[in-house]
Amino acid sequence: MNPPDFQLLRNTFGRLVLTTGDGQVYENIVPVRAFPISAPDTGLALVDEEGHERAWIADLATLKTTFGSEMCALIEAALAEREFMPCILRLNQVSTFATPSTWQVSTNCGETSFVLKGEEDIRLLSATSLLITDRDGVQYRIPDITQLDKHSRRLLDRFL
């Protein structure tokens, strides 16, 4: 692998700045995953504030092992600021089995409640994983429904 044909750093305002191999400078760069759920470490675009792709990273793990962790740390920190998808660990209570319904859940980020508008807001990602979008557009992930406790699975089965 050749060295990256760009440099990435944070400016004094904490925003990412990309300098390409030909000397062009782009401020307010945002990393965007091509496949955030199925392949989060492969296919990553560095996009400017107008939505134009300015650099492409085929594999974040290879970039990290080949060129050190400094650039990857910048990218991973920016991704963490941008992406928020809590994982549901347990369904504590559901207000009703008709929609809209209020769900009280335990996530990897703590206890929360949200409103599920309709059953179409529960998407099957694979045979065992789900993506649930609440009324406000926040997405919650259940990585493996078989790992949920019996009570949670029973509540969830009413919506599937």
N, C-alpha and C. Protein backbone atom coordinates (compact mmCIF):
# COMPACT_ATOMS: atom_id res chain seq x y z
N MET A 1 0.85 -1.18 0.00
CA MET A 1 0.00 0.00 0.00
C MET A 1 0.88 1.24 0.00
N ASN A 2 0.51 2.21 -0.81
CA ASN A 2 1.23 3.46 -0.86
C ASN A 2 0.79 4.37 0.27
N PRO A 3 1.64 5.32 0.67
CA PRO A 3 1.22 6.27 1.69
C PRO A 3 -0.01 7.03 1.20
N PRO A 4 -0.87 7.46 2.13
CA PRO A 4 -2.06 8.19 1.68
C PRO A 4 -1.64 9.47 0.98
N ASP A 5 -2.42 9.84 -0.04
CA ASP A 5 -2.08 11.05 -0.78
C ASP A 5 -2.80 12.26 -0.19
N PHE A 6 -2.95 12.24 1.12
CA PHE A 6 -3.57 13.36 1.83
C PHE A 6 -3.07 13.39 3.26
N GLN A 7 -3.27 14.53 3.91
CA GLN A 7 -3.00 14.68 5.34
C GLN A 7 -4.29 15.14 5.99
N LEU A 8 -4.47 14.71 7.21
CA LEU A 8 -5.68 15.07 7.95
C LEU A 8 -5.28 15.56 9.32
N LEU A 9 -5.83 16.70 9.74
CA LEU A 9 -5.56 17.23 11.08
C LEU A 9 -6.72 18.07 11.53
N ARG A 10 -6.72 18.41 12.81
CA ARG A 10 -7.77 19.26 13.37
C ARG A 10 -7.26 20.69 13.44
N ASN A 11 -8.12 21.65 13.08
CA ASN A 11 -7.73 23.05 13.19
C ASN A 11 -8.00 23.54 14.62
N THR A 12 -7.79 24.82 14.86
CA THR A 12 -7.95 25.36 16.22
C THR A 12 -9.39 25.33 16.70
N PHE A 13 -10.33 25.19 15.77
CA PHE A 13 -11.74 25.10 16.14
C PHE A 13 -12.19 23.66 16.33
N GLY A 14 -11.27 22.71 16.18
CA GLY A 14 -11.59 21.30 16.38
C GLY A 14 -12.18 20.61 15.16
N ARG A 15 -12.17 21.29 14.02
CA ARG A 15 -12.73 20.71 12.80
C ARG A 15 -11.63 20.05 11.98
N LEU A 16 -12.01 19.02 11.23
CA LEU A 16 -11.04 18.31 10.41
C LEU A 16 -10.69 19.11 9.16
N VAL A 17 -9.40 19.14 8.86
CA VAL A 17 -8.88 19.81 7.67
C VAL A 17 -8.12 18.78 6.86
N LEU A 18 -8.45 18.68 5.58
CA LEU A 18 -7.83 17.74 4.66
C LEU A 18 -6.94 18.51 3.69
N THR A 19 -5.69 18.07 3.58
CA THR A 19 -4.77 18.61 2.58
C THR A 19 -4.43 17.48 1.63
N THR A 20 -4.78 17.65 0.36
CA THR A 20 -4.55 16.60 -0.63
C THR A 20 -3.11 16.62 -1.10
N GLY A 21 -2.73 15.58 -1.82
CA GLY A 21 -1.36 15.46 -2.34
C GLY A 21 -0.97 16.60 -3.26
N ASP A 22 -1.94 17.21 -3.95
CA ASP A 22 -1.63 18.33 -4.84
C ASP A 22 -1.72 19.68 -4.15
N GLY A 23 -1.87 19.68 -2.81
CA GLY A 23 -1.82 20.90 -2.03
C GLY A 23 -3.16 21.59 -1.79
N GLN A 24 -4.25 21.05 -2.28
CA GLN A 24 -5.56 21.65 -2.03
C GLN A 24 -5.96 21.41 -0.58
N VAL A 25 -6.55 22.44 0.04
CA VAL A 25 -6.95 22.36 1.44
C VAL A 25 -8.47 22.46 1.53
N TYR A 26 -9.07 21.53 2.27
CA TYR A 26 -10.51 21.51 2.48
C TYR A 26 -10.78 21.50 3.98
N GLU A 27 -11.59 22.45 4.43
CA GLU A 27 -11.93 22.52 5.85
C GLU A 27 -13.30 21.91 6.09
N ASN A 28 -13.59 21.64 7.36
CA ASN A 28 -14.86 21.06 7.78
C ASN A 28 -15.14 19.72 7.10
N ILE A 29 -14.15 18.87 7.08
CA ILE A 29 -14.26 17.54 6.49
C ILE A 29 -15.04 16.63 7.44
N VAL A 30 -15.89 15.78 6.87
CA VAL A 30 -16.68 14.84 7.66
C VAL A 30 -16.43 13.44 7.11
N PRO A 31 -16.04 12.48 7.96
CA PRO A 31 -15.93 11.09 7.49
C PRO A 31 -17.31 10.45 7.43
N VAL A 32 -17.56 9.70 6.35
CA VAL A 32 -18.85 9.04 6.15
C VAL A 32 -18.60 7.59 5.77
N ARG A 33 -19.21 6.68 6.52
CA ARG A 33 -19.05 5.26 6.23
C ARG A 33 -19.94 4.87 5.06
N ALA A 34 -19.40 4.06 4.15
CA ALA A 34 -20.19 3.57 3.02
C ALA A 34 -21.20 2.51 3.49
N PHE A 35 -20.76 1.65 4.39
CA PHE A 35 -21.61 0.57 4.90
C PHE A 35 -21.52 0.57 6.43
N PRO A 36 -22.22 1.49 7.10
CA PRO A 36 -22.04 1.67 8.54
C PRO A 36 -22.41 0.48 9.40
N ILE A 37 -23.30 -0.38 8.94
CA ILE A 37 -23.72 -1.51 9.76
C ILE A 37 -23.04 -2.80 9.33
N SER A 38 -23.05 -3.09 8.04
CA SER A 38 -22.54 -4.38 7.58
C SER A 38 -21.01 -4.42 7.49
N ALA A 39 -20.36 -3.30 7.18
CA ALA A 39 -18.90 -3.26 7.07
C ALA A 39 -18.39 -1.89 7.50
N PRO A 40 -18.43 -1.61 8.80
CA PRO A 40 -18.11 -0.26 9.27
C PRO A 40 -16.67 0.19 9.05
N ASP A 41 -15.72 -0.72 8.92
CA ASP A 41 -14.32 -0.32 8.75
C ASP A 41 -13.85 -0.34 7.31
N THR A 42 -14.72 -0.67 6.38
CA THR A 42 -14.33 -0.64 4.97
C THR A 42 -15.18 0.37 4.24
N GLY A 43 -14.55 1.07 3.32
CA GLY A 43 -15.27 2.06 2.53
C GLY A 43 -15.66 3.27 3.33
N LEU A 44 -14.74 4.24 3.40
CA LEU A 44 -14.98 5.45 4.17
C LEU A 44 -14.61 6.64 3.31
N ALA A 45 -15.53 7.58 3.14
CA ALA A 45 -15.28 8.78 2.35
C ALA A 45 -15.02 9.95 3.27
N LEU A 46 -14.11 10.81 2.87
CA LEU A 46 -13.90 12.09 3.55
C LEU A 46 -14.59 13.13 2.67
N VAL A 47 -15.64 13.74 3.22
CA VAL A 47 -16.54 14.59 2.45
C VAL A 47 -16.42 16.03 2.94
N ASP A 48 -16.42 16.99 1.97
CA ASP A 48 -16.36 18.40 2.36
C ASP A 48 -17.74 18.90 2.76
N GLU A 49 -17.82 20.17 3.16
CA GLU A 49 -19.08 20.71 3.67
C GLU A 49 -20.16 20.84 2.61
N GLU A 50 -19.80 20.73 1.34
CA GLU A 50 -20.78 20.77 0.26
C GLU A 50 -21.21 19.36 -0.18
N GLY A 51 -20.67 18.34 0.49
CA GLY A 51 -21.05 16.97 0.19
C GLY A 51 -20.23 16.29 -0.88
N HIS A 52 -19.12 16.92 -1.30
CA HIS A 52 -18.26 16.32 -2.30
C HIS A 52 -17.20 15.44 -1.65
N GLU A 53 -17.03 14.24 -2.19
CA GLU A 53 -16.01 13.33 -1.69
C GLU A 53 -14.63 13.85 -2.09
N ARG A 54 -13.76 14.02 -1.10
CA ARG A 54 -12.42 14.55 -1.36
C ARG A 54 -11.33 13.51 -1.19
N ALA A 55 -11.62 12.43 -0.46
CA ALA A 55 -10.66 11.33 -0.29
C ALA A 55 -11.44 10.07 0.03
N TRP A 56 -10.85 8.92 -0.31
CA TRP A 56 -11.48 7.63 -0.08
C TRP A 56 -10.50 6.75 0.68
N ILE A 57 -11.01 6.10 1.71
CA ILE A 57 -10.22 5.15 2.49
C ILE A 57 -10.88 3.79 2.31
N ALA A 58 -10.19 2.89 1.64
CA ALA A 58 -10.77 1.59 1.34
C ALA A 58 -10.93 0.74 2.60
N ASP A 59 -9.95 0.81 3.51
CA ASP A 59 -9.98 -0.03 4.70
C ASP A 59 -9.32 0.71 5.85
N LEU A 60 -10.09 1.06 6.85
CA LEU A 60 -9.58 1.83 7.99
C LEU A 60 -8.57 1.03 8.80
N ALA A 61 -8.79 -0.26 8.95
CA ALA A 61 -7.87 -1.10 9.73
C ALA A 61 -6.49 -1.17 9.06
N THR A 62 -6.47 -1.30 7.73
CA THR A 62 -5.19 -1.34 7.01
C THR A 62 -4.48 0.00 7.11
N LEU A 63 -5.23 1.08 7.01
CA LEU A 63 -4.64 2.42 7.15
C LEU A 63 -3.99 2.57 8.53
N LYS A 64 -4.67 2.06 9.54
CA LYS A 64 -4.16 2.17 10.91
C LYS A 64 -2.87 1.38 11.11
N THR A 65 -2.85 0.13 10.63
CA THR A 65 -1.65 -0.69 10.84
C THR A 65 -0.49 -0.25 9.97
N THR A 66 -0.78 0.29 8.80
CA THR A 66 0.28 0.69 7.88
C THR A 66 0.86 2.05 8.22
N PHE A 67 0.01 3.01 8.60
CA PHE A 67 0.48 4.38 8.77
C PHE A 67 0.37 4.91 10.18
N GLY A 68 0.08 4.05 11.13
CA GLY A 68 -0.01 4.49 12.51
C GLY A 68 -1.42 4.88 12.89
N SER A 69 -1.60 5.11 14.15
CA SER A 69 -2.95 5.31 14.66
C SER A 69 -3.35 6.78 14.75
N GLU A 70 -2.45 7.71 14.48
CA GLU A 70 -2.79 9.12 14.64
C GLU A 70 -3.92 9.57 13.72
N MET A 71 -3.81 9.26 12.42
CA MET A 71 -4.84 9.65 11.47
C MET A 71 -6.14 8.89 11.75
N CYS A 72 -6.02 7.62 12.09
CA CYS A 72 -7.21 6.82 12.39
C CYS A 72 -7.92 7.33 13.64
N ALA A 73 -7.16 7.78 14.61
CA ALA A 73 -7.76 8.31 15.83
C ALA A 73 -8.59 9.55 15.51
N LEU A 74 -8.10 10.40 14.62
CA LEU A 74 -8.86 11.58 14.21
C LEU A 74 -10.17 11.17 13.53
N ILE A 75 -10.07 10.21 12.64
CA ILE A 75 -11.25 9.74 11.90
C ILE A 75 -12.25 9.07 12.84
N GLU A 76 -11.77 8.21 13.71
CA GLU A 76 -12.66 7.50 14.64
C GLU A 76 -13.34 8.47 15.61
N ALA A 77 -12.62 9.48 16.07
CA ALA A 77 -13.21 10.48 16.96
C ALA A 77 -14.30 11.27 16.23
N ALA A 78 -14.04 11.63 14.98
CA ALA A 78 -15.05 12.36 14.20
C ALA A 78 -16.27 11.48 13.93
N LEU A 79 -16.06 10.20 13.67
CA LEU A 79 -17.18 9.29 13.46
C LEU A 79 -18.01 9.15 14.74
N ALA A 80 -17.34 9.06 15.88
CA ALA A 80 -18.05 8.92 17.15
C ALA A 80 -18.90 10.15 17.45
N GLU A 81 -18.41 11.33 17.06
CA GLU A 81 -19.18 12.56 17.26
C GLU A 81 -20.43 12.56 16.38
N ARG A 82 -20.31 11.99 15.19
CA ARG A 82 -21.38 12.06 14.19
C ARG A 82 -22.39 10.93 14.32
N GLU A 83 -21.92 9.75 14.67
CA GLU A 83 -22.79 8.57 14.69
C GLU A 83 -23.27 8.29 16.10
N PHE A 84 -24.54 8.02 16.20
CA PHE A 84 -25.11 7.66 17.50
C PHE A 84 -26.16 6.60 17.23
N MET A 85 -25.88 5.38 17.59
CA MET A 85 -26.82 4.28 17.40
C MET A 85 -26.73 3.35 18.59
N PRO A 86 -27.51 3.65 19.64
CA PRO A 86 -27.46 2.78 20.82
C PRO A 86 -27.98 1.38 20.51
N CYS A 87 -27.45 0.41 21.22
CA CYS A 87 -27.90 -0.98 21.10
C CYS A 87 -28.88 -1.28 22.24
N ILE A 88 -30.02 -1.84 21.88
CA ILE A 88 -31.01 -2.22 22.88
C ILE A 88 -30.57 -3.54 23.51
N LEU A 89 -30.46 -3.52 24.83
CA LEU A 89 -30.05 -4.71 25.58
C LEU A 89 -31.26 -5.44 26.16
N ARG A 90 -32.32 -4.66 26.47
CA ARG A 90 -33.51 -5.25 27.09
C ARG A 90 -34.70 -4.35 26.85
N LEU A 91 -35.85 -4.95 26.54
CA LEU A 91 -37.11 -4.22 26.47
C LEU A 91 -37.76 -4.36 27.84
N ASN A 92 -37.92 -3.24 28.52
CA ASN A 92 -38.48 -3.28 29.87
C ASN A 92 -40.00 -3.26 29.85
N GLN A 93 -40.56 -2.40 28.97
CA GLN A 93 -42.01 -2.26 28.95
C GLN A 93 -42.43 -1.64 27.62
N VAL A 94 -43.61 -2.02 27.15
CA VAL A 94 -44.21 -1.45 25.95
C VAL A 94 -45.61 -1.01 26.34
N SER A 95 -45.97 0.24 26.04
CA SER A 95 -47.25 0.78 26.50
C SER A 95 -48.44 0.06 25.89
N THR A 96 -48.35 -0.30 24.63
CA THR A 96 -49.43 -1.01 23.95
C THR A 96 -48.85 -1.78 22.78
N PHE A 97 -49.57 -2.80 22.34
CA PHE A 97 -49.07 -3.59 21.21
C PHE A 97 -49.58 -3.04 19.88
N ALA A 98 -50.34 -1.95 19.94
CA ALA A 98 -50.74 -1.23 18.73
C ALA A 98 -49.83 -0.01 18.62
N THR A 99 -49.61 0.45 17.42
CA THR A 99 -48.76 1.62 17.25
C THR A 99 -49.62 2.85 17.01
N PRO A 100 -49.17 4.01 17.47
CA PRO A 100 -47.90 4.28 18.13
C PRO A 100 -47.89 3.75 19.56
N SER A 101 -46.69 3.37 19.99
CA SER A 101 -46.52 2.86 21.35
C SER A 101 -45.23 3.39 21.94
N THR A 102 -45.22 3.51 23.26
CA THR A 102 -44.03 3.99 23.97
C THR A 102 -43.27 2.79 24.49
N TRP A 103 -42.00 2.73 24.14
CA TRP A 103 -41.13 1.63 24.57
C TRP A 103 -40.18 2.15 25.65
N GLN A 104 -40.05 1.41 26.73
CA GLN A 104 -39.04 1.70 27.75
C GLN A 104 -38.00 0.59 27.63
N VAL A 105 -36.75 0.99 27.37
CA VAL A 105 -35.69 0.03 27.08
C VAL A 105 -34.42 0.34 27.85
N SER A 106 -33.58 -0.68 27.97
CA SER A 106 -32.23 -0.52 28.49
C SER A 106 -31.29 -0.64 27.29
N THR A 107 -30.40 0.34 27.15
CA THR A 107 -29.45 0.32 26.04
C THR A 107 -28.03 0.34 26.59
N ASN A 108 -27.06 0.24 25.69
CA ASN A 108 -25.67 0.34 26.12
C ASN A 108 -25.32 1.77 26.55
N CYS A 109 -26.24 2.70 26.35
CA CYS A 109 -26.04 4.09 26.78
C CYS A 109 -26.90 4.44 27.99
N GLY A 110 -27.64 3.47 28.51
CA GLY A 110 -28.49 3.71 29.68
C GLY A 110 -29.96 3.46 29.39
N GLU A 111 -30.79 3.80 30.36
CA GLU A 111 -32.24 3.62 30.25
C GLU A 111 -32.82 4.76 29.42
N THR A 112 -33.82 4.44 28.59
CA THR A 112 -34.49 5.46 27.81
C THR A 112 -35.88 4.98 27.41
N SER A 113 -36.67 5.90 26.92
CA SER A 113 -37.96 5.54 26.35
C SER A 113 -38.11 6.29 25.03
N PHE A 114 -38.85 5.69 24.12
CA PHE A 114 -39.09 6.31 22.82
C PHE A 114 -40.44 5.87 22.29
N VAL A 115 -40.91 6.58 21.29
CA VAL A 115 -42.20 6.26 20.67
C VAL A 115 -41.95 5.62 19.32
N LEU A 116 -42.52 4.44 19.13
CA LEU A 116 -42.48 3.74 17.85
C LEU A 116 -43.74 4.14 17.10
N LYS A 117 -43.58 4.81 15.94
CA LYS A 117 -44.74 5.28 15.16
C LYS A 117 -45.51 4.15 14.53
N GLY A 118 -44.79 3.22 13.92
CA GLY A 118 -45.45 2.12 13.23
C GLY A 118 -44.55 0.92 13.12
N GLU A 119 -45.13 -0.21 12.82
CA GLU A 119 -44.34 -1.44 12.71
C GLU A 119 -43.34 -1.39 11.57
N GLU A 120 -43.59 -0.53 10.58
CA GLU A 120 -42.65 -0.37 9.47
C GLU A 120 -41.34 0.28 9.91
N ASP A 121 -41.29 0.82 11.12
CA ASP A 121 -40.07 1.41 11.66
C ASP A 121 -39.16 0.37 12.31
N ILE A 122 -39.54 -0.89 12.25
CA ILE A 122 -38.69 -2.00 12.70
C ILE A 122 -38.22 -2.72 11.44
N ARG A 123 -36.91 -2.63 11.18
CA ARG A 123 -36.35 -3.24 9.97
C ARG A 123 -35.46 -4.41 10.33
N LEU A 124 -35.63 -5.50 9.62
CA LEU A 124 -34.80 -6.68 9.78
C LEU A 124 -33.51 -6.47 8.98
N LEU A 125 -32.36 -6.47 9.65
CA LEU A 125 -31.08 -6.31 8.98
C LEU A 125 -30.50 -7.65 8.54
N SER A 126 -30.72 -8.65 9.37
CA SER A 126 -30.30 -10.02 9.06
C SER A 126 -31.30 -10.93 9.76
N ALA A 127 -31.00 -12.21 9.76
CA ALA A 127 -31.93 -13.15 10.40
C ALA A 127 -32.10 -12.87 11.89
N THR A 128 -31.10 -12.26 12.52
CA THR A 128 -31.17 -12.05 13.97
C THR A 128 -30.96 -10.61 14.42
N SER A 129 -30.73 -9.67 13.51
CA SER A 129 -30.51 -8.29 13.96
C SER A 129 -31.57 -7.35 13.40
N LEU A 130 -31.90 -6.34 14.21
CA LEU A 130 -32.96 -5.39 13.87
C LEU A 130 -32.46 -3.96 13.98
N LEU A 131 -33.10 -3.08 13.25
CA LEU A 131 -32.88 -1.65 13.36
C LEU A 131 -34.24 -1.02 13.62
N ILE A 132 -34.37 -0.29 14.73
CA ILE A 132 -35.63 0.31 15.13
C ILE A 132 -35.45 1.82 15.11
N THR A 133 -36.33 2.52 14.41
CA THR A 133 -36.26 3.97 14.32
C THR A 133 -37.43 4.56 15.10
N ASP A 134 -37.11 5.48 16.01
CA ASP A 134 -38.18 6.08 16.83
C ASP A 134 -38.81 7.28 16.11
N ARG A 135 -39.80 7.87 16.74
CA ARG A 135 -40.54 9.00 16.17
C ARG A 135 -39.62 10.17 15.80
N ASP A 136 -38.53 10.35 16.54
CA ASP A 136 -37.62 11.48 16.30
C ASP A 136 -36.50 11.15 15.34
N GLY A 137 -36.48 9.93 14.80
CA GLY A 137 -35.45 9.56 13.83
C GLY A 137 -34.22 8.92 14.45
N VAL A 138 -34.19 8.74 15.77
CA VAL A 138 -33.06 8.08 16.41
C VAL A 138 -33.15 6.59 16.11
N GLN A 139 -32.04 6.01 15.71
CA GLN A 139 -32.03 4.59 15.37
C GLN A 139 -31.42 3.79 16.51
N TYR A 140 -32.08 2.71 16.85
CA TYR A 140 -31.63 1.78 17.87
C TYR A 140 -31.37 0.44 17.18
N ARG A 141 -30.33 -0.22 17.61
CA ARG A 141 -29.98 -1.49 16.98
C ARG A 141 -30.12 -2.62 18.00
N ILE A 142 -30.63 -3.74 17.53
CA ILE A 142 -30.60 -4.98 18.31
C ILE A 142 -29.70 -5.91 17.52
N PRO A 143 -28.44 -6.08 17.97
CA PRO A 143 -27.48 -6.87 17.18
C PRO A 143 -27.87 -8.34 17.03
N ASP A 144 -28.48 -8.91 18.07
CA ASP A 144 -28.84 -10.32 18.02
C ASP A 144 -30.04 -10.56 18.92
N ILE A 145 -31.21 -10.74 18.32
CA ILE A 145 -32.43 -10.91 19.12
C ILE A 145 -32.40 -12.19 19.94
N THR A 146 -31.61 -13.17 19.53
CA THR A 146 -31.53 -14.42 20.30
C THR A 146 -30.81 -14.21 21.63
N GLN A 147 -30.06 -13.11 21.76
CA GLN A 147 -29.36 -12.82 23.01
C GLN A 147 -30.20 -12.03 24.01
N LEU A 148 -31.39 -11.59 23.57
CA LEU A 148 -32.28 -10.89 24.49
C LEU A 148 -32.89 -11.87 25.48
N ASP A 149 -33.29 -11.38 26.65
CA ASP A 149 -33.95 -12.24 27.64
C ASP A 149 -35.35 -12.60 27.15
N LYS A 150 -35.96 -13.56 27.81
CA LYS A 150 -37.25 -14.12 27.39
C LYS A 150 -38.35 -13.04 27.36
N HIS A 151 -38.39 -12.20 28.38
CA HIS A 151 -39.38 -11.13 28.47
C HIS A 151 -39.26 -10.18 27.27
N SER A 152 -38.04 -9.78 26.94
CA SER A 152 -37.80 -8.86 25.82
C SER A 152 -38.22 -9.49 24.50
N ARG A 153 -37.88 -10.75 24.30
CA ARG A 153 -38.24 -11.44 23.05
C ARG A 153 -39.75 -11.56 22.92
N ARG A 154 -40.42 -11.81 24.03
CA ARG A 154 -41.89 -11.94 24.00
C ARG A 154 -42.52 -10.61 23.59
N LEU A 155 -42.05 -9.50 24.15
CA LEU A 155 -42.57 -8.19 23.77
C LEU A 155 -42.28 -7.89 22.30
N LEU A 156 -41.08 -8.18 21.87
CA LEU A 156 -40.67 -7.89 20.50
C LEU A 156 -41.43 -8.73 19.49
N ASP A 157 -41.74 -9.98 19.83
CA ASP A 157 -42.46 -10.89 18.93
C ASP A 157 -43.82 -10.33 18.54
N ARG A 158 -44.42 -9.52 19.40
CA ARG A 158 -45.73 -8.95 19.11
C ARG A 158 -45.69 -7.94 17.97
N PHE A 159 -44.49 -7.42 17.65
CA PHE A 159 -44.34 -6.42 16.61
C PHE A 159 -43.74 -6.99 15.32
N LEU A 160 -43.25 -8.21 15.38
CA LEU A 160 -42.60 -8.80 14.20
C LEU A 160 -43.54 -9.70 13.42
